[in-house]
Amino acid sequence: MFPFRAPTIRLSSKQEKILTALQRGIHSPLHWKQRATIIALAAQGQSNQHIAEIEKLNRNTVTLWRKRWARVATEIRQQELQRPRELKTYIRKVLEDAP
């Protein structure tokens, strides 16, 4: 049996800038800060376990957000190319709780 391999996360410079702003924003809700941090660390190549340890989160939470970002990564790139002014709003939507 093969071990689980976490999806690779790649961010454009604009996506990285938006996530950094969400992480540091004094008006950013805590859940956006945590989720932006998970994605940013995943993009740096950190393992889910390591991210969970340094952020004091459950590994399943980290896994969920990494998978969710990976699942919509193509859509995020399309949004960035087609409607760059709406990218920040789109990323915030991705970081919200599922309906």
PDB file of N, CA and C in Angstrom:
ATOM      1  N   MET A   1       0.835  -1.180   0.000  1.00  0.00           N
ATOM      2  CA  MET A   1       0.000   0.000   0.000  1.00  0.00           C
ATOM      3  C   MET A   1       0.880   1.244   0.000  1.00  0.00           C
ATOM      4  N   PHE A   2       0.482   2.233  -0.789  1.00  0.00           N
ATOM      5  CA  PHE A   2       1.266   3.452  -0.917  1.00  0.00           C
ATOM      6  C   PHE A   2       0.798   4.487   0.100  1.00  0.00           C
ATOM      7  N   PRO A   3       1.736   5.243   0.667  1.00  0.00           N
ATOM      8  CA  PRO A   3       1.333   6.285   1.617  1.00  0.00           C
ATOM      9  C   PRO A   3       0.627   7.427   0.882  1.00  0.00           C
ATOM     10  N   PHE A   4      -0.236   8.130   1.603  1.00  0.00           N
ATOM     11  CA  PHE A   4      -0.946   9.274   1.052  1.00  0.00           C
ATOM     12  C   PHE A   4       0.057  10.363   0.672  1.00  0.00           C
ATOM     13  N   ARG A   5      -0.143  10.966  -0.473  1.00  0.00           N
ATOM     14  CA  ARG A   5       0.713  12.064  -0.925  1.00  0.00           C
ATOM     15  C   ARG A   5      -0.142  13.323  -1.014  1.00  0.00           C
ATOM     16  N   ALA A   6       0.227  14.309  -0.242  1.00  0.00           N
ATOM     17  CA  ALA A   6      -0.535  15.562  -0.230  1.00  0.00           C
ATOM     18  C   ALA A   6      -0.387  16.272  -1.573  1.00  0.00           C
ATOM     19  N   PRO A   7      -1.452  16.927  -2.029  1.00  0.00           N
ATOM     20  CA  PRO A   7      -1.364  17.656  -3.293  1.00  0.00           C
ATOM     21  C   PRO A   7      -0.328  18.770  -3.217  1.00  0.00           C
ATOM     22  N   THR A   8       0.370  18.977  -4.312  1.00  0.00           N
ATOM     23  CA  THR A   8       1.334  20.068  -4.405  1.00  0.00           C
ATOM     24  C   THR A   8       0.572  21.364  -4.643  1.00  0.00           C
ATOM     25  N   ILE A   9       0.950  22.392  -3.915  1.00  0.00           N
ATOM     26  CA  ILE A   9       0.315  23.701  -4.052  1.00  0.00           C
ATOM     27  C   ILE A   9       1.318  24.652  -4.693  1.00  0.00           C
ATOM     28  N   ARG A  10       0.884  25.300  -5.766  1.00  0.00           N
ATOM     29  CA  ARG A  10       1.697  26.319  -6.420  1.00  0.00           C
ATOM     30  C   ARG A  10       0.897  27.612  -6.461  1.00  0.00           C
ATOM     31  N   LEU A  11       1.544  28.692  -6.081  1.00  0.00           N
ATOM     32  CA  LEU A  11       0.878  29.984  -6.053  1.00  0.00           C
ATOM     33  C   LEU A  11       1.560  30.955  -7.003  1.00  0.00           C
ATOM     34  N   SER A  12       0.767  31.778  -7.658  1.00  0.00           N
ATOM     35  CA  SER A  12       1.332  32.883  -8.422  1.00  0.00           C
ATOM     36  C   SER A  12       1.762  33.949  -7.420  1.00  0.00           C
ATOM     37  N   SER A  13       2.537  34.900  -7.864  1.00  0.00           N
ATOM     38  CA  SER A  13       2.970  35.968  -6.952  1.00  0.00           C
ATOM     39  C   SER A  13       1.770  36.779  -6.462  1.00  0.00           C
ATOM     40  N   LYS A  14       0.778  36.959  -7.309  1.00  0.00           N
ATOM     41  CA  LYS A  14      -0.415  37.709  -6.913  1.00  0.00           C
ATOM     42  C   LYS A  14      -1.227  36.929  -5.871  1.00  0.00           C
ATOM     43  N   GLN A  15      -1.364  35.619  -6.061  1.00  0.00           N
ATOM     44  CA  GLN A  15      -2.075  34.790  -5.083  1.00  0.00           C
ATOM     45  C   GLN A  15      -1.343  34.827  -3.744  1.00  0.00           C
ATOM     46  N   GLU A  16      -0.022  34.712  -3.800  1.00  0.00           N
ATOM     47  CA  GLU A  16       0.783  34.744  -2.581  1.00  0.00           C
ATOM     48  C   GLU A  16       0.624  36.089  -1.860  1.00  0.00           C
ATOM     49  N   LYS A  17       0.600  37.164  -2.609  1.00  0.00           N
ATOM     50  CA  LYS A  17       0.437  38.496  -2.033  1.00  0.00           C
ATOM     51  C   LYS A  17      -0.925  38.628  -1.341  1.00  0.00           C
ATOM     52  N   ILE A  18      -1.965  38.124  -1.972  1.00  0.00           N
ATOM     53  CA  ILE A  18      -3.307  38.182  -1.381  1.00  0.00           C
ATOM     54  C   ILE A  18      -3.371  37.352  -0.101  1.00  0.00           C
ATOM     55  N   LEU A  19      -2.804  36.143  -0.135  1.00  0.00           N
ATOM     56  CA  LEU A  19      -2.814  35.288   1.056  1.00  0.00           C
ATOM     57  C   LEU A  19      -2.021  35.931   2.193  1.00  0.00           C
ATOM     58  N   THR A  20      -0.893  36.550   1.876  1.00  0.00           N
ATOM     59  CA  THR A  20      -0.092  37.232   2.896  1.00  0.00           C
ATOM     60  C   THR A  20      -0.882  38.379   3.517  1.00  0.00           C
ATOM     61  N   ALA A  21      -1.581  39.145   2.681  1.00  0.00           N
ATOM     62  CA  ALA A  21      -2.407  40.247   3.194  1.00  0.00           C
ATOM     63  C   ALA A  21      -3.516  39.718   4.107  1.00  0.00           C
ATOM     64  N   LEU A  22      -4.109  38.588   3.743  1.00  0.00           N
ATOM     65  CA  LEU A  22      -5.147  37.993   4.590  1.00  0.00           C
ATOM     66  C   LEU A  22      -4.562  37.509   5.916  1.00  0.00           C
ATOM     67  N   GLN A  23      -3.360  36.950   5.874  1.00  0.00           N
ATOM     68  CA  GLN A  23      -2.705  36.468   7.090  1.00  0.00           C
ATOM     69  C   GLN A  23      -2.422  37.622   8.049  1.00  0.00           C
ATOM     70  N   ARG A  24      -2.010  38.749   7.524  1.00  0.00           N
ATOM     71  CA  ARG A  24      -1.561  39.874   8.345  1.00  0.00           C
ATOM     72  C   ARG A  24      -2.647  40.904   8.627  1.00  0.00           C
ATOM     73  N   GLY A  25      -3.754  40.811   7.916  1.00  0.00           N
ATOM     74  CA  GLY A  25      -4.797  41.822   8.032  1.00  0.00           C
ATOM     75  C   GLY A  25      -5.416  41.883   9.411  1.00  0.00           C
ATOM     76  N   ILE A  26      -5.462  43.086   9.972  1.00  0.00           N
ATOM     77  CA  ILE A  26      -6.025  43.218  11.319  1.00  0.00           C
ATOM     78  C   ILE A  26      -7.544  43.040  11.303  1.00  0.00           C
ATOM     79  N   HIS A  27      -8.146  43.203  10.140  1.00  0.00           N
ATOM     80  CA  HIS A  27      -9.593  43.018  10.029  1.00  0.00           C
ATOM     81  C   HIS A  27      -9.959  41.668   9.402  1.00  0.00           C
ATOM     82  N   SER A  28      -8.965  40.844   9.107  1.00  0.00           N
ATOM     83  CA  SER A  28      -9.229  39.517   8.538  1.00  0.00           C
ATOM     84  C   SER A  28      -9.775  38.603   9.625  1.00  0.00           C
ATOM     85  N   PRO A  29     -10.862  37.895   9.347  1.00  0.00           N
ATOM     86  CA  PRO A  29     -11.359  36.920  10.322  1.00  0.00           C
ATOM     87  C   PRO A  29     -10.307  35.833  10.587  1.00  0.00           C
ATOM     88  N   LEU A  30     -10.329  35.294  11.787  1.00  0.00           N
ATOM     89  CA  LEU A  30      -9.353  34.280  12.183  1.00  0.00           C
ATOM     90  C   LEU A  30      -9.340  33.101  11.220  1.00  0.00           C
ATOM     91  N   HIS A  31     -10.517  32.665  10.756  1.00  0.00           N
ATOM     92  CA  HIS A  31     -10.534  31.495   9.870  1.00  0.00           C
ATOM     93  C   HIS A  31      -9.840  31.806   8.546  1.00  0.00           C
ATOM     94  N   TRP A  32      -9.922  33.030   8.027  1.00  0.00           N
ATOM     95  CA  TRP A  32      -9.179  33.385   6.805  1.00  0.00           C
ATOM     96  C   TRP A  32      -7.683  33.370   7.077  1.00  0.00           C
ATOM     97  N   LYS A  33      -7.277  33.906   8.234  1.00  0.00           N
ATOM     98  CA  LYS A  33      -5.847  33.942   8.586  1.00  0.00           C
ATOM     99  C   LYS A  33      -5.279  32.528   8.659  1.00  0.00           C
ATOM    100  N   GLN A  34      -5.978  31.637   9.361  1.00  0.00           N
ATOM    101  CA  GLN A  34      -5.494  30.266   9.510  1.00  0.00           C
ATOM    102  C   GLN A  34      -5.431  29.548   8.167  1.00  0.00           C
ATOM    103  N   ARG A  35      -6.458  29.681   7.376  1.00  0.00           N
ATOM    104  CA  ARG A  35      -6.523  28.974   6.098  1.00  0.00           C
ATOM    105  C   ARG A  35      -5.525  29.541   5.104  1.00  0.00           C
ATOM    106  N   ALA A  36      -5.336  30.854   5.100  1.00  0.00           N
ATOM    107  CA  ALA A  36      -4.321  31.469   4.232  1.00  0.00           C
ATOM    108  C   ALA A  36      -2.932  30.984   4.633  1.00  0.00           C
ATOM    109  N   THR A  37      -2.702  30.834   5.930  1.00  0.00           N
ATOM    110  CA  THR A  37      -1.414  30.339   6.421  1.00  0.00           C
ATOM    111  C   THR A  37      -1.200  28.889   6.003  1.00  0.00           C
ATOM    112  N   ILE A  38      -2.223  28.074   6.111  1.00  0.00           N
ATOM    113  CA  ILE A  38      -2.117  26.673   5.675  1.00  0.00           C
ATOM    114  C   ILE A  38      -1.710  26.606   4.210  1.00  0.00           C
ATOM    115  N   ILE A  39      -2.369  27.373   3.355  1.00  0.00           N
ATOM    116  CA  ILE A  39      -2.081  27.340   1.919  1.00  0.00           C
ATOM    117  C   ILE A  39      -0.686  27.869   1.642  1.00  0.00           C
ATOM    118  N   ALA A  40      -0.306  28.963   2.289  1.00  0.00           N
ATOM    119  CA  ALA A  40       1.026  29.542   2.073  1.00  0.00           C
ATOM    120  C   ALA A  40       2.128  28.562   2.482  1.00  0.00           C
ATOM    121  N   LEU A  41       1.973  27.905   3.625  1.00  0.00           N
ATOM    122  CA  LEU A  41       2.979  26.939   4.081  1.00  0.00           C
ATOM    123  C   LEU A  41       3.008  25.709   3.181  1.00  0.00           C
ATOM    124  N   ALA A  42       1.841  25.283   2.720  1.00  0.00           N
ATOM    125  CA  ALA A  42       1.789  24.146   1.797  1.00  0.00           C
ATOM    126  C   ALA A  42       2.523  24.490   0.504  1.00  0.00           C
ATOM    127  N   ALA A  43       2.368  25.724   0.040  1.00  0.00           N
ATOM    128  CA  ALA A  43       3.052  26.153  -1.183  1.00  0.00           C
ATOM    129  C   ALA A  43       4.569  26.199  -0.991  1.00  0.00           C
ATOM    130  N   GLN A  44       4.999  26.357   0.252  1.00  0.00           N
ATOM    131  CA  GLN A  44       6.436  26.339   0.553  1.00  0.00           C
ATOM    132  C   GLN A  44       6.971  24.914   0.670  1.00  0.00           C
ATOM    133  N   GLY A  45       6.082  23.926   0.523  1.00  0.00           N
ATOM    134  CA  GLY A  45       6.500  22.528   0.560  1.00  0.00           C
ATOM    135  C   GLY A  45       6.412  21.875   1.923  1.00  0.00           C
ATOM    136  N   GLN A  46       5.799  22.541   2.878  1.00  0.00           N
ATOM    137  CA  GLN A  46       5.673  21.972   4.220  1.00  0.00           C
ATOM    138  C   GLN A  46       4.653  20.828   4.205  1.00  0.00           C
ATOM    139  N   SER A  47       4.893  19.824   5.020  1.00  0.00           N
ATOM    140  CA  SER A  47       3.968  18.695   5.122  1.00  0.00           C
ATOM    141  C   SER A  47       2.745  19.093   5.939  1.00  0.00           C
ATOM    142  N   ASN A  48       1.662  18.364   5.743  1.00  0.00           N
ATOM    143  CA  ASN A  48       0.450  18.624   6.519  1.00  0.00           C
ATOM    144  C   ASN A  48       0.714  18.483   8.014  1.00  0.00           C
ATOM    145  N   GLN A  49       1.473  17.472   8.389  1.00  0.00           N
ATOM    146  CA  GLN A  49       1.785  17.247   9.798  1.00  0.00           C
ATOM    147  C   GLN A  49       2.567  18.423  10.377  1.00  0.00           C
ATOM    148  N   HIS A  50       3.553  18.905   9.636  1.00  0.00           N
ATOM    149  CA  HIS A  50       4.363  20.028  10.113  1.00  0.00           C
ATOM    150  C   HIS A  50       3.510  21.299  10.248  1.00  0.00           C
ATOM    151  N   ILE A  51       2.680  21.555   9.260  1.00  0.00           N
ATOM    152  CA  ILE A  51       1.797  22.727   9.323  1.00  0.00           C
ATOM    153  C   ILE A  51       0.878  22.621  10.534  1.00  0.00           C
ATOM    154  N   ALA A  52       0.314  21.444  10.748  1.00  0.00           N
ATOM    155  CA  ALA A  52      -0.573  21.230  11.896  1.00  0.00           C
ATOM    156  C   ALA A  52       0.160  21.496  13.211  1.00  0.00           C
ATOM    157  N   GLU A  53       1.386  21.044  13.307  1.00  0.00           N
ATOM    158  CA  GLU A  53       2.162  21.230  14.537  1.00  0.00           C
ATOM    159  C   GLU A  53       2.478  22.700  14.788  1.00  0.00           C
ATOM    160  N   ILE A  54       2.951  23.403  13.771  1.00  0.00           N
ATOM    161  CA  ILE A  54       3.358  24.794  14.015  1.00  0.00           C
ATOM    162  C   ILE A  54       2.161  25.732  14.165  1.00  0.00           C
ATOM    163  N   GLU A  55       1.042  25.381  13.551  1.00  0.00           N
ATOM    164  CA  GLU A  55      -0.166  26.213  13.665  1.00  0.00           C
ATOM    165  C   GLU A  55      -1.104  25.733  14.770  1.00  0.00           C
ATOM    166  N   LYS A  56      -0.721  24.631  15.436  1.00  0.00           N
ATOM    167  CA  LYS A  56      -1.542  24.054  16.515  1.00  0.00           C
ATOM    168  C   LYS A  56      -2.964  23.740  16.033  1.00  0.00           C
ATOM    169  N   LEU A  57      -3.004  23.054  14.908  1.00  0.00           N
ATOM    170  CA  LEU A  57      -4.263  22.640  14.297  1.00  0.00           C
ATOM    171  C   LEU A  57      -4.287  21.121  14.170  1.00  0.00           C
ATOM    172  N   ASN A  58      -5.454  20.578  13.973  1.00  0.00           N
ATOM    173  CA  ASN A  58      -5.603  19.165  13.697  1.00  0.00           C
ATOM    174  C   ASN A  58      -5.096  18.897  12.274  1.00  0.00           C
ATOM    175  N   ARG A  59      -4.378  17.812  12.071  1.00  0.00           N
ATOM    176  CA  ARG A  59      -3.844  17.489  10.743  1.00  0.00           C
ATOM    177  C   ARG A  59      -4.966  17.324   9.718  1.00  0.00           C
ATOM    178  N   ASN A  60      -6.112  16.816  10.155  1.00  0.00           N
ATOM    179  CA  ASN A  60      -7.243  16.670   9.230  1.00  0.00           C
ATOM    180  C   ASN A  60      -7.728  18.019   8.706  1.00  0.00           C
ATOM    181  N   THR A  61      -7.644  19.041   9.536  1.00  0.00           N
ATOM    182  CA  THR A  61      -8.025  20.393   9.115  1.00  0.00           C
ATOM    183  C   THR A  61      -7.077  20.889   8.032  1.00  0.00           C
ATOM    184  N   VAL A  62      -5.797  20.680   8.251  1.00  0.00           N
ATOM    185  CA  VAL A  62      -4.790  21.085   7.262  1.00  0.00           C
ATOM    186  C   VAL A  62      -5.012  20.324   5.956  1.00  0.00           C
ATOM    187  N   THR A  63      -5.229  19.031   6.052  1.00  0.00           N
ATOM    188  CA  THR A  63      -5.473  18.195   4.874  1.00  0.00           C
ATOM    189  C   THR A  63      -6.692  18.682   4.104  1.00  0.00           C
ATOM    190  N   LEU A  64      -7.768  18.993   4.818  1.00  0.00           N
ATOM    191  CA  LEU A  64      -8.996  19.461   4.182  1.00  0.00           C
ATOM    192  C   LEU A  64      -8.743  20.725   3.368  1.00  0.00           C
ATOM    193  N   TRP A  65      -8.054  21.715   3.939  1.00  0.00           N
ATOM    194  CA  TRP A  65      -7.857  22.979   3.239  1.00  0.00           C
ATOM    195  C   TRP A  65      -6.853  22.867   2.113  1.00  0.00           C
ATOM    196  N   ARG A  66      -5.861  22.021   2.287  1.00  0.00           N
ATOM    197  CA  ARG A  66      -4.906  21.799   1.194  1.00  0.00           C
ATOM    198  C   ARG A  66      -5.621  21.154   0.009  1.00  0.00           C
ATOM    199  N   LYS A  67      -6.437  20.152   0.279  1.00  0.00           N
ATOM    200  CA  LYS A  67      -7.186  19.483  -0.795  1.00  0.00           C
ATOM    201  C   LYS A  67      -8.179  20.435  -1.446  1.00  0.00           C
ATOM    202  N   ARG A  68      -8.858  21.232  -0.633  1.00  0.00           N
ATOM    203  CA  ARG A  68      -9.847  22.158  -1.183  1.00  0.00           C
ATOM    204  C   ARG A  68      -9.172  23.165  -2.123  1.00  0.00           C
ATOM    205  N   TRP A  69      -8.028  23.703  -1.701  1.00  0.00           N
ATOM    206  CA  TRP A  69      -7.305  24.652  -2.564  1.00  0.00           C
ATOM    207  C   TRP A  69      -6.850  23.954  -3.851  1.00  0.00           C
ATOM    208  N   ALA A  70      -6.307  22.767  -3.714  1.00  0.00           N
ATOM    209  CA  ALA A  70      -5.826  22.026  -4.896  1.00  0.00           C
ATOM    210  C   ALA A  70      -6.976  21.753  -5.867  1.00  0.00           C
ATOM    211  N   ARG A  71      -8.160  21.477  -5.335  1.00  0.00           N
ATOM    212  CA  ARG A  71      -9.319  21.178  -6.161  1.00  0.00           C
ATOM    213  C   ARG A  71      -9.767  22.381  -6.995  1.00  0.00           C
ATOM    214  N   VAL A  72      -9.577  23.592  -6.480  1.00  0.00           N
ATOM    215  CA  VAL A  72     -10.021  24.794  -7.200  1.00  0.00           C
ATOM    216  C   VAL A  72      -8.867  25.606  -7.782  1.00  0.00           C
ATOM    217  N   ALA A  73      -7.666  25.076  -7.733  1.00  0.00           N
ATOM    218  CA  ALA A  73      -6.480  25.821  -8.193  1.00  0.00           C
ATOM    219  C   ALA A  73      -6.606  26.280  -9.642  1.00  0.00           C
ATOM    220  N   THR A  74      -7.140  25.431 -10.498  1.00  0.00           N
ATOM    221  CA  THR A  74      -7.309  25.804 -11.903  1.00  0.00           C
ATOM    222  C   THR A  74      -8.303  26.954 -12.032  1.00  0.00           C
ATOM    223  N   GLU A  75      -9.367  26.894 -11.284  1.00  0.00           N
ATOM    224  CA  GLU A  75     -10.367  27.963 -11.315  1.00  0.00           C
ATOM    225  C   GLU A  75      -9.776  29.277 -10.787  1.00  0.00           C
ATOM    226  N   ILE A  76      -8.937  29.190  -9.773  1.00  0.00           N
ATOM    227  CA  ILE A  76      -8.290  30.387  -9.225  1.00  0.00           C
ATOM    228  C   ILE A  76      -7.392  31.015 -10.291  1.00  0.00           C
ATOM    229  N   ARG A  77      -6.625  30.181 -10.997  1.00  0.00           N
ATOM    230  CA  ARG A  77      -5.753  30.698 -12.071  1.00  0.00           C
ATOM    231  C   ARG A  77      -6.580  31.344 -13.180  1.00  0.00           C
ATOM    232  N   GLN A  78      -7.689  30.718 -13.546  1.00  0.00           N
ATOM    233  CA  GLN A  78      -8.557  31.299 -14.576  1.00  0.00           C
ATOM    234  C   GLN A  78      -9.113  32.637 -14.118  1.00  0.00           C
ATOM    235  N   GLN A  79      -9.523  32.704 -12.881  1.00  0.00           N
ATOM    236  CA  GLN A  79     -10.038  33.956 -12.316  1.00  0.00           C
ATOM    237  C   GLN A  79      -8.962  35.038 -12.388  1.00  0.00           C
ATOM    238  N   GLU A  80      -7.742  34.667 -12.046  1.00  0.00           N
ATOM    239  CA  GLU A  80      -6.631  35.619 -12.064  1.00  0.00           C
ATOM    240  C   GLU A  80      -6.375  36.156 -13.469  1.00  0.00           C
ATOM    241  N   LEU A  81      -6.506  35.308 -14.465  1.00  0.00           N
ATOM    242  CA  LEU A  81      -6.274  35.716 -15.848  1.00  0.00           C
ATOM    243  C   LEU A  81      -7.445  36.495 -16.433  1.00  0.00           C
ATOM    244  N   GLN A  82      -8.663  36.053 -16.149  1.00  0.00           N
ATOM    245  CA  GLN A  82      -9.844  36.637 -16.778  1.00  0.00           C
ATOM    246  C   GLN A  82     -10.414  37.835 -16.015  1.00  0.00           C
ATOM    247  N   ARG A  83     -10.356  37.782 -14.698  1.00  0.00           N
ATOM    248  CA  ARG A  83     -10.926  38.857 -13.878  1.00  0.00           C
ATOM    249  C   ARG A  83      -9.989  39.154 -12.703  1.00  0.00           C
ATOM    250  N   PRO A  84      -8.818  39.692 -12.991  1.00  0.00           N
ATOM    251  CA  PRO A  84      -7.823  39.888 -11.934  1.00  0.00           C
ATOM    252  C   PRO A  84      -8.281  40.793 -10.786  1.00  0.00           C
ATOM    253  N   ARG A  85      -9.161  41.728 -11.068  1.00  0.00           N
ATOM    254  CA  ARG A  85      -9.639  42.630 -10.014  1.00  0.00           C
ATOM    255  C   ARG A  85     -10.535  41.914  -9.011  1.00  0.00           C
ATOM    256  N   GLU A  86     -11.073  40.784  -9.406  1.00  0.00           N
ATOM    257  CA  GLU A  86     -11.976  40.025  -8.534  1.00  0.00           C
ATOM    258  C   GLU A  86     -11.270  38.852  -7.841  1.00  0.00           C
ATOM    259  N   LEU A  87      -9.963  38.733  -8.046  1.00  0.00           N
ATOM    260  CA  LEU A  87      -9.229  37.588  -7.495  1.00  0.00           C
ATOM    261  C   LEU A  87      -9.283  37.553  -5.972  1.00  0.00           C
ATOM    262  N   LYS A  88      -9.091  38.683  -5.331  1.00  0.00           N
ATOM    263  CA  LYS A  88      -9.101  38.712  -3.866  1.00  0.00           C
ATOM    264  C   LYS A  88     -10.449  38.235  -3.318  1.00  0.00           C
ATOM    265  N   THR A  89     -11.518  38.700  -3.918  1.00  0.00           N
ATOM    266  CA  THR A  89     -12.860  38.279  -3.502  1.00  0.00           C
ATOM    267  C   THR A  89     -13.044  36.783  -3.721  1.00  0.00           C
ATOM    268  N   TYR A  90     -12.532  36.284  -4.842  1.00  0.00           N
ATOM    269  CA  TYR A  90     -12.660  34.859  -5.148  1.00  0.00           C
ATOM    270  C   TYR A  90     -11.879  34.015  -4.135  1.00  0.00           C
ATOM    271  N   ILE A  91     -10.684  34.449  -3.798  1.00  0.00           N
ATOM    272  CA  ILE A  91      -9.868  33.707  -2.815  1.00  0.00           C
ATOM    273  C   ILE A  91     -10.561  33.718  -1.457  1.00  0.00           C
ATOM    274  N   ARG A  92     -11.120  34.836  -1.068  1.00  0.00           N
ATOM    275  CA  ARG A  92     -11.864  34.887   0.198  1.00  0.00           C
ATOM    276  C   ARG A  92     -13.015  33.888   0.186  1.00  0.00           C
ATOM    277  N   LYS A  93     -13.698  33.788  -0.950  1.00  0.00           N
ATOM    278  CA  LYS A  93     -14.809  32.841  -1.083  1.00  0.00           C
ATOM    279  C   LYS A  93     -14.308  31.403  -0.921  1.00  0.00           C
ATOM    280  N   VAL A  94     -13.166  31.095  -1.514  1.00  0.00           N
ATOM    281  CA  VAL A  94     -12.584  29.749  -1.403  1.00  0.00           C
ATOM    282  C   VAL A  94     -12.255  29.426   0.054  1.00  0.00           C
ATOM    283  N   LEU A  95     -11.831  30.428   0.818  1.00  0.00           N
ATOM    284  CA  LEU A  95     -11.422  30.214   2.213  1.00  0.00           C
ATOM    285  C   LEU A  95     -12.590  30.182   3.199  1.00  0.00           C
ATOM    286  N   GLU A  96     -13.807  30.391   2.700  1.00  0.00           N
ATOM    287  CA  GLU A  96     -14.987  30.321   3.573  1.00  0.00           C
ATOM    288  C   GLU A  96     -15.373  28.867   3.831  1.00  0.00           C
ATOM    289  N   ASP A  97     -16.211  28.678   4.840  1.00  0.00           N
ATOM    290  CA  ASP A  97     -16.744  27.352   5.133  1.00  0.00           C
ATOM    291  C   ASP A  97     -17.615  26.890   3.971  1.00  0.00           C
ATOM    292  N   ALA A  98     -17.655  25.609   3.751  1.00  0.00           N
ATOM    293  CA  ALA A  98     -18.515  25.043   2.709  1.00  0.00           C
ATOM    294  C   ALA A  98     -19.973  25.246   3.119  1.00  0.00           C
ATOM    295  N   PRO A  99     -20.870  25.453   2.135  1.00  0.00           N
ATOM    296  CA  PRO A  99     -22.295  25.636   2.485  1.00  0.00           C
ATOM    297  C   PRO A  99     -22.876  24.370   3.094  1.00  0.00           C
TER     298      PRO A  99
END
